[in-house]
Protein backbone atom coordinates (compact mmCIF):
# COMPACT_ATOMS: atom_id res chain seq x y z
CA UNK A 1 -43.05 42.09 192.12
CA UNK A 2 -46.19 42.43 190.78
CA UNK A 3 -47.58 41.23 187.18
CA UNK A 4 -51.01 41.87 185.75
CA UNK A 5 -52.71 41.45 182.55
CA UNK A 6 -54.81 44.49 181.78
CA UNK A 7 -57.68 43.44 178.62
CA UNK A 8 -58.73 46.95 177.53
CA UNK A 9 -61.35 48.28 175.10
CA UNK A 10 -61.06 50.47 172.95
CA UNK A 11 -63.32 52.42 170.35
CA UNK A 12 -63.21 51.11 166.93
CA UNK A 13 -59.56 51.69 165.10
CA UNK A 14 -58.53 52.99 167.67
CA UNK A 15 -55.95 50.12 169.17
CA UNK A 16 -52.76 51.71 167.41
CA UNK A 17 -53.13 54.33 168.86
CA UNK A 18 -53.72 53.08 172.44
CA UNK A 19 -50.74 50.59 171.53
CA UNK A 20 -48.65 53.44 170.96
CA UNK A 21 -49.34 55.33 174.00
CA UNK A 22 -48.56 52.49 176.40
CA UNK A 23 -45.20 52.29 175.48
CA UNK A 24 -45.00 55.56 177.73
CA UNK A 25 -45.49 54.05 180.21
CA UNK A 26 -42.05 51.86 181.79
CA UNK A 27 -44.41 49.52 183.64
CA UNK A 28 -46.01 48.35 180.42
CA UNK A 29 -43.72 45.76 179.56
CA UNK A 30 -45.78 44.59 176.74
CA UNK A 31 -49.08 45.44 174.78
CA UNK A 32 -50.81 44.14 171.86
CA UNK A 33 -53.96 44.28 169.77
CA UNK A 34 -55.69 41.24 169.77
CA UNK A 35 -59.16 39.93 168.00
CA UNK A 36 -61.72 39.01 170.08
CA UNK A 37 -64.27 40.45 172.81
CA UNK A 38 -61.33 42.72 173.99
CA UNK A 39 -58.87 45.39 171.60
CA UNK A 40 -55.62 45.40 173.65
CA UNK A 41 -54.18 43.67 176.28
CA UNK A 42 -51.08 44.60 178.12
CA UNK A 43 -48.43 43.46 180.59
CA UNK A 44 -47.45 45.31 183.71
CA UNK A 45 -45.32 45.03 186.56
CA UNK A 46 -44.30 47.14 189.02
CA UNK A 47 -42.69 46.37 192.55
CA UNK A 48 -45.76 47.32 194.44
CA UNK A 49 -49.69 46.52 193.85
CA UNK A 50 -50.07 50.41 194.66
CA UNK A 51 -47.92 51.23 191.35
CA UNK A 52 -49.90 48.58 189.88
CA UNK A 53 -52.95 50.57 190.69
CA UNK A 54 -51.38 53.85 189.54
CA UNK A 55 -50.31 52.81 186.32
CA UNK A 56 -54.03 51.47 185.36
CA UNK A 57 -56.20 53.30 187.25
CA UNK A 58 -54.03 57.18 186.89
CA UNK A 59 -52.50 56.62 183.01
CA UNK A 60 -54.67 53.41 181.57
CA UNK A 61 -57.84 54.75 182.72
CA UNK A 62 -57.36 58.26 182.00
CA UNK A 63 -57.31 57.89 178.24
CA UNK A 64 -60.03 59.51 176.29
CA UNK A 65 -59.78 56.36 174.33
CA UNK A 66 -59.88 53.80 176.80
CA UNK A 67 -63.28 52.22 177.18
CA UNK A 68 -62.78 49.69 179.80
CA UNK A 69 -60.17 47.86 181.15
CA UNK A 70 -60.59 44.39 183.29
CA UNK A 71 -57.13 43.70 185.44
CA UNK A 72 -56.13 40.17 186.02
CA UNK A 73 -52.91 39.87 188.31
CA UNK A 74 -51.07 36.78 188.78
CA UNK A 75 -50.29 34.50 191.29
CA UNK A 76 -47.19 34.68 191.67
CA UNK A 77 -45.76 31.24 193.23
CA UNK A 78 -47.65 29.65 190.06
CA UNK A 79 -46.09 32.40 187.41
CA UNK A 80 -43.12 31.41 185.10
CA UNK A 81 -41.34 32.97 182.41
CA UNK A 82 -38.89 31.66 179.46
């Protein structure tokens, strides 16, 4: 399983709509509006890097409310969850 964290920048006051839209994609496991240099952080999990690419490039970046994204792939052998 490939895990990625995507930092998303959106226009002012659009975070709520984008977080709601992210819920529609089963590969998006978490999404939260945050304070700071980015507006939303989303956790994506998919079986392959190709599928992660498709979610980010074909779904998230295609949204007219998304200005920019930054993607961080998890180093799986150094990753744990509770």
